[in-house]
Each structure stands twice: as C-alpha cells, then as structure tokens.
Amino acid sequence: MKNILLVVVLVTFALVTVFLAQHDGNNSPITKVNTQEPGVYTYKGATRGEVVFNHNTHSEMMGCADCHGETPGKIDVSTMEGGHGLCASCHNDTGIGECSVCHSK
C-alpha cells in the first residue's frame, strides 16, 4: 500500500511540475511534439523545454471527470495558463510542484 501511495505521489508531482515549469510570466505557447506510445505525449514549451505527459498513469490514479469535467474530450494545454490552470491544484496539493520533475530544462 505504501509503495502504491509513493508511486501516485511521484507521478502526480511529475505531472504538476510539467505545467508549473512553463510559467515565465506570460502566455507562453506549448506545442505537442509527438506521441511516444499510446497515451504518452511530449510537449515543447517556449521557455522550459520538453514535458512528457503520461495519460495512462493519470487515468489509473483519477477519474476522467477530475480533469475532463462532465463531458470528456480533449483538453487545451496549448498555453501555460491552460496547462498550469488544470494541473497545478492537484500537483500542489500532493507536494509535487518542482518544475524540473516534468520539464527537461
């Protein structure tokens, strides 16, 4: 049980950091670069390098509605505000807020 909780905390920390690290005080664009494998995506931000987002891991830990709301579909993370706004609360609540966990720079 402790191992599962640790994995959940580490993954959550990594994902929050992805979006928090992009913060540079403006509306920085984020571009989806590629899909590494089904459900794993790489995004490139204007200032903080690449971010790898694993949808599979997130969907195992949380319900669809936690991120997608009542009508599941694509989420717009094409800006820093879009990504950070969606993910920051969970990542900060779990103590996973370091930028470098998700961002390559």
N, C-alpha and C. Protein backbone atom coordinates (compact mmCIF):
# COMPACT_ATOMS: atom_id res chain seq x y z
N MET A 1 0.82 -1.20 0.00
CA MET A 1 0.00 0.00 0.00
C MET A 1 0.86 1.26 0.00
N LYS A 2 1.95 1.22 0.81
CA LYS A 2 2.84 2.37 0.86
C LYS A 2 3.51 2.60 -0.49
N ASN A 3 3.87 1.52 -1.19
CA ASN A 3 4.50 1.64 -2.50
C ASN A 3 3.56 2.27 -3.51
N ILE A 4 2.30 1.88 -3.47
CA ILE A 4 1.32 2.45 -4.40
C ILE A 4 1.14 3.93 -4.12
N LEU A 5 1.04 4.30 -2.86
CA LEU A 5 0.90 5.71 -2.49
C LEU A 5 2.13 6.51 -2.94
N LEU A 6 3.30 5.95 -2.76
CA LEU A 6 4.52 6.63 -3.20
C LEU A 6 4.53 6.84 -4.70
N VAL A 7 4.14 5.84 -5.46
CA VAL A 7 4.09 5.95 -6.92
C VAL A 7 3.08 7.02 -7.33
N VAL A 8 1.92 7.02 -6.70
CA VAL A 8 0.90 8.02 -7.01
C VAL A 8 1.42 9.42 -6.73
N VAL A 9 2.06 9.61 -5.61
CA VAL A 9 2.60 10.93 -5.26
C VAL A 9 3.68 11.34 -6.24
N LEU A 10 4.58 10.44 -6.59
CA LEU A 10 5.66 10.78 -7.52
C LEU A 10 5.14 11.11 -8.91
N VAL A 11 4.20 10.35 -9.40
CA VAL A 11 3.63 10.62 -10.72
C VAL A 11 2.87 11.93 -10.72
N THR A 12 2.09 12.15 -9.68
CA THR A 12 1.35 13.41 -9.58
C THR A 12 2.31 14.58 -9.52
N PHE A 13 3.37 14.45 -8.76
CA PHE A 13 4.37 15.50 -8.66
C PHE A 13 4.96 15.81 -10.03
N ALA A 14 5.26 14.78 -10.78
CA ALA A 14 5.85 14.96 -12.10
C ALA A 14 4.90 15.70 -13.03
N LEU A 15 3.65 15.39 -12.99
CA LEU A 15 2.70 15.99 -13.91
C LEU A 15 2.40 17.44 -13.58
N VAL A 16 2.28 17.77 -12.32
CA VAL A 16 2.04 19.16 -11.93
C VAL A 16 3.22 20.00 -12.37
N THR A 17 4.39 19.48 -12.15
CA THR A 17 5.60 20.21 -12.49
C THR A 17 5.68 20.50 -13.98
N VAL A 18 5.16 19.61 -14.78
CA VAL A 18 5.17 19.82 -16.23
C VAL A 18 4.57 21.16 -16.56
N PHE A 19 3.45 21.45 -15.97
CA PHE A 19 2.74 22.66 -16.30
C PHE A 19 3.22 23.85 -15.49
N LEU A 20 3.64 23.64 -14.28
CA LEU A 20 4.13 24.74 -13.46
C LEU A 20 5.46 25.27 -13.98
N ALA A 21 6.28 24.43 -14.54
CA ALA A 21 7.59 24.83 -15.02
C ALA A 21 7.51 25.76 -16.22
N GLN A 22 6.43 25.74 -16.93
CA GLN A 22 6.29 26.58 -18.11
C GLN A 22 6.09 28.05 -17.74
N HIS A 23 5.76 28.32 -16.49
CA HIS A 23 5.43 29.68 -16.07
C HIS A 23 6.62 30.61 -16.24
N ASP A 24 6.46 31.62 -17.08
CA ASP A 24 7.51 32.63 -17.24
C ASP A 24 6.90 34.02 -17.24
N GLY A 25 5.69 34.16 -16.71
CA GLY A 25 5.08 35.46 -16.58
C GLY A 25 4.27 35.91 -17.77
N ASN A 26 4.15 35.10 -18.79
CA ASN A 26 3.33 35.47 -19.93
C ASN A 26 2.61 34.26 -20.47
N ASN A 27 1.95 34.43 -21.57
CA ASN A 27 1.15 33.36 -22.17
C ASN A 27 2.00 32.56 -23.15
N SER A 28 2.93 31.78 -22.63
CA SER A 28 3.86 31.02 -23.47
C SER A 28 3.15 29.90 -24.21
N PRO A 29 3.43 29.73 -25.50
CA PRO A 29 2.82 28.64 -26.25
C PRO A 29 3.44 27.29 -25.90
N ILE A 30 2.60 26.25 -25.96
CA ILE A 30 3.06 24.89 -25.74
C ILE A 30 2.65 24.09 -26.96
N THR A 31 3.56 23.35 -27.52
CA THR A 31 3.30 22.60 -28.75
C THR A 31 3.45 21.11 -28.50
N LYS A 32 2.47 20.33 -28.94
CA LYS A 32 2.57 18.88 -28.85
C LYS A 32 3.56 18.42 -29.91
N VAL A 33 4.64 17.79 -29.50
CA VAL A 33 5.71 17.40 -30.40
C VAL A 33 5.45 16.03 -31.00
N ASN A 34 5.15 15.05 -30.16
CA ASN A 34 4.92 13.70 -30.67
C ASN A 34 4.23 12.84 -29.63
N THR A 35 3.87 11.66 -30.06
CA THR A 35 3.31 10.64 -29.17
C THR A 35 4.34 9.53 -29.09
N GLN A 36 4.85 9.27 -27.90
CA GLN A 36 5.89 8.25 -27.73
C GLN A 36 5.31 6.84 -27.84
N GLU A 37 4.17 6.65 -27.25
CA GLU A 37 3.44 5.38 -27.29
C GLU A 37 1.99 5.77 -27.00
N PRO A 38 1.05 4.89 -27.21
CA PRO A 38 -0.34 5.27 -26.97
C PRO A 38 -0.53 5.80 -25.54
N GLY A 39 -1.02 7.03 -25.44
CA GLY A 39 -1.29 7.64 -24.15
C GLY A 39 -0.14 8.40 -23.54
N VAL A 40 1.03 8.43 -24.18
CA VAL A 40 2.19 9.16 -23.65
C VAL A 40 2.58 10.22 -24.68
N TYR A 41 2.52 11.48 -24.27
CA TYR A 41 2.70 12.61 -25.19
C TYR A 41 3.86 13.50 -24.74
N THR A 42 4.56 14.06 -25.71
CA THR A 42 5.63 15.01 -25.44
C THR A 42 5.19 16.39 -25.92
N TYR A 43 5.36 17.39 -25.05
CA TYR A 43 5.03 18.77 -25.38
C TYR A 43 6.28 19.61 -25.25
N LYS A 44 6.41 20.61 -26.12
CA LYS A 44 7.55 21.52 -26.04
C LYS A 44 7.04 22.91 -25.74
N GLY A 45 7.51 23.47 -24.64
CA GLY A 45 7.16 24.82 -24.26
C GLY A 45 8.17 25.81 -24.80
N ALA A 46 7.80 27.07 -24.79
CA ALA A 46 8.67 28.11 -25.32
C ALA A 46 9.88 28.39 -24.43
N THR A 47 9.77 28.11 -23.14
CA THR A 47 10.85 28.51 -22.23
C THR A 47 11.42 27.41 -21.36
N ARG A 48 10.72 26.31 -21.16
CA ARG A 48 11.14 25.33 -20.17
C ARG A 48 11.41 23.94 -20.72
N GLY A 49 11.63 23.80 -22.00
CA GLY A 49 11.99 22.51 -22.55
C GLY A 49 10.80 21.59 -22.74
N GLU A 50 11.10 20.32 -22.91
CA GLU A 50 10.05 19.35 -23.19
C GLU A 50 9.43 18.80 -21.91
N VAL A 51 8.15 18.43 -22.05
CA VAL A 51 7.40 17.83 -20.96
C VAL A 51 6.78 16.55 -21.49
N VAL A 52 6.91 15.48 -20.76
CA VAL A 52 6.28 14.22 -21.14
C VAL A 52 5.07 14.02 -20.23
N PHE A 53 3.90 13.82 -20.83
CA PHE A 53 2.66 13.62 -20.10
C PHE A 53 2.16 12.20 -20.35
N ASN A 54 1.99 11.44 -19.29
CA ASN A 54 1.51 10.07 -19.41
C ASN A 54 0.04 10.01 -18.99
N HIS A 55 -0.85 10.03 -19.98
CA HIS A 55 -2.28 9.98 -19.73
C HIS A 55 -2.66 8.67 -19.07
N ASN A 56 -1.99 7.59 -19.43
CA ASN A 56 -2.31 6.27 -18.87
C ASN A 56 -2.15 6.27 -17.35
N THR A 57 -1.06 6.82 -16.86
CA THR A 57 -0.80 6.86 -15.42
C THR A 57 -1.84 7.71 -14.71
N HIS A 58 -2.15 8.87 -15.28
CA HIS A 58 -3.13 9.76 -14.66
C HIS A 58 -4.51 9.11 -14.61
N SER A 59 -4.90 8.45 -15.68
CA SER A 59 -6.24 7.86 -15.71
C SER A 59 -6.35 6.67 -14.76
N GLU A 60 -5.23 6.04 -14.42
CA GLU A 60 -5.25 4.96 -13.43
C GLU A 60 -5.44 5.51 -12.02
N MET A 61 -4.94 6.73 -11.78
CA MET A 61 -4.99 7.31 -10.44
C MET A 61 -6.28 8.10 -10.18
N MET A 62 -6.87 8.64 -11.23
CA MET A 62 -8.00 9.53 -11.06
C MET A 62 -9.12 9.15 -12.02
N GLY A 63 -10.28 9.71 -11.80
CA GLY A 63 -11.38 9.50 -12.72
C GLY A 63 -11.32 10.50 -13.86
N CYS A 64 -11.95 10.19 -14.97
CA CYS A 64 -11.94 11.07 -16.15
C CYS A 64 -12.45 12.47 -15.80
N ALA A 65 -13.52 12.53 -15.00
CA ALA A 65 -14.14 13.82 -14.68
C ALA A 65 -13.23 14.74 -13.88
N ASP A 66 -12.22 14.19 -13.20
CA ASP A 66 -11.31 15.02 -12.42
C ASP A 66 -10.61 16.05 -13.30
N CYS A 67 -10.29 15.68 -14.51
CA CYS A 67 -9.61 16.60 -15.43
C CYS A 67 -10.54 17.09 -16.54
N HIS A 68 -11.35 16.19 -17.06
CA HIS A 68 -12.15 16.48 -18.24
C HIS A 68 -13.52 17.06 -17.91
N GLY A 69 -13.93 17.05 -16.65
CA GLY A 69 -15.25 17.52 -16.29
C GLY A 69 -16.31 16.49 -16.68
N GLU A 70 -17.53 16.95 -16.80
CA GLU A 70 -18.65 16.05 -17.09
C GLU A 70 -18.67 15.55 -18.52
N THR A 71 -18.01 16.26 -19.44
CA THR A 71 -18.00 15.87 -20.85
C THR A 71 -16.58 15.60 -21.29
N PRO A 72 -16.12 14.35 -21.17
CA PRO A 72 -14.74 14.04 -21.56
C PRO A 72 -14.45 14.43 -23.02
N GLY A 73 -13.26 14.90 -23.23
CA GLY A 73 -12.79 15.28 -24.55
C GLY A 73 -11.39 15.85 -24.41
N LYS A 74 -10.88 16.39 -25.49
CA LYS A 74 -9.53 16.97 -25.47
C LYS A 74 -9.50 18.19 -24.55
N ILE A 75 -8.37 18.36 -23.91
CA ILE A 75 -8.14 19.50 -23.02
C ILE A 75 -7.12 20.40 -23.69
N ASP A 76 -7.40 21.70 -23.70
CA ASP A 76 -6.50 22.65 -24.34
C ASP A 76 -5.36 23.01 -23.39
N VAL A 77 -4.18 22.52 -23.69
CA VAL A 77 -2.98 22.88 -22.92
C VAL A 77 -1.98 23.56 -23.85
N SER A 78 -2.50 24.32 -24.80
CA SER A 78 -1.64 24.99 -25.77
C SER A 78 -1.00 26.26 -25.21
N THR A 79 -1.38 26.63 -24.00
CA THR A 79 -0.76 27.78 -23.33
C THR A 79 -0.36 27.37 -21.92
N MET A 80 0.54 28.13 -21.35
CA MET A 80 0.97 27.89 -19.98
C MET A 80 -0.22 27.94 -19.04
N GLU A 81 -1.08 28.93 -19.20
CA GLU A 81 -2.23 29.07 -18.32
C GLU A 81 -3.17 27.87 -18.42
N GLY A 82 -3.32 27.32 -19.62
CA GLY A 82 -4.18 26.16 -19.80
C GLY A 82 -3.66 24.96 -19.05
N GLY A 83 -2.40 24.67 -19.19
CA GLY A 83 -1.81 23.53 -18.52
C GLY A 83 -1.69 23.72 -17.02
N HIS A 84 -1.13 24.84 -16.62
CA HIS A 84 -0.95 25.08 -15.19
C HIS A 84 -2.29 25.21 -14.49
N GLY A 85 -3.25 25.85 -15.14
CA GLY A 85 -4.56 26.03 -14.52
C GLY A 85 -5.24 24.71 -14.24
N LEU A 86 -5.08 23.77 -15.12
CA LEU A 86 -5.72 22.47 -14.94
C LEU A 86 -4.99 21.60 -13.92
N CYS A 87 -3.69 21.58 -13.98
CA CYS A 87 -2.92 20.59 -13.22
C CYS A 87 -2.35 21.09 -11.90
N ALA A 88 -2.19 22.39 -11.76
CA ALA A 88 -1.49 22.94 -10.60
C ALA A 88 -2.13 22.58 -9.27
N SER A 89 -3.44 22.60 -9.20
CA SER A 89 -4.07 22.35 -7.90
C SER A 89 -3.77 20.94 -7.39
N CYS A 90 -3.88 19.93 -8.24
CA CYS A 90 -3.57 18.56 -7.80
C CYS A 90 -2.09 18.41 -7.48
N HIS A 91 -1.24 18.92 -8.34
CA HIS A 91 0.19 18.77 -8.11
C HIS A 91 0.63 19.52 -6.86
N ASN A 92 0.12 20.70 -6.63
CA ASN A 92 0.48 21.44 -5.42
C ASN A 92 -0.07 20.76 -4.18
N ASP A 93 -1.29 20.23 -4.25
CA ASP A 93 -1.90 19.55 -3.10
C ASP A 93 -1.12 18.32 -2.69
N THR A 94 -0.47 17.68 -3.64
CA THR A 94 0.29 16.46 -3.33
C THR A 94 1.76 16.76 -3.05
N GLY A 95 2.15 18.02 -3.11
CA GLY A 95 3.53 18.39 -2.84
C GLY A 95 4.47 18.16 -4.00
N ILE A 96 3.90 17.98 -5.19
CA ILE A 96 4.71 17.73 -6.38
C ILE A 96 4.70 18.99 -7.24
N GLY A 97 5.46 19.98 -6.84
CA GLY A 97 5.40 21.25 -7.53
C GLY A 97 6.71 21.72 -8.12
N GLU A 98 7.76 20.92 -8.05
CA GLU A 98 9.05 21.31 -8.60
C GLU A 98 9.01 21.25 -10.13
N CYS A 99 9.40 22.32 -10.78
CA CYS A 99 9.35 22.42 -12.25
C CYS A 99 10.16 21.30 -12.92
N SER A 100 11.32 21.01 -12.38
CA SER A 100 12.23 20.06 -13.03
C SER A 100 11.71 18.62 -13.04
N VAL A 101 10.68 18.32 -12.27
CA VAL A 101 10.15 16.96 -12.28
C VAL A 101 9.56 16.63 -13.65
N CYS A 102 8.93 17.61 -14.27
CA CYS A 102 8.30 17.38 -15.58
C CYS A 102 9.07 18.03 -16.72
N HIS A 103 9.66 19.17 -16.48
CA HIS A 103 10.34 19.92 -17.53
C HIS A 103 11.79 19.49 -17.66
N SER A 104 12.27 19.42 -18.91
CA SER A 104 13.64 18.99 -19.17
C SER A 104 14.68 20.07 -18.91
N LYS A 105 14.27 21.33 -18.82
CA LYS A 105 15.22 22.42 -18.54
C LYS A 105 15.17 22.79 -17.08
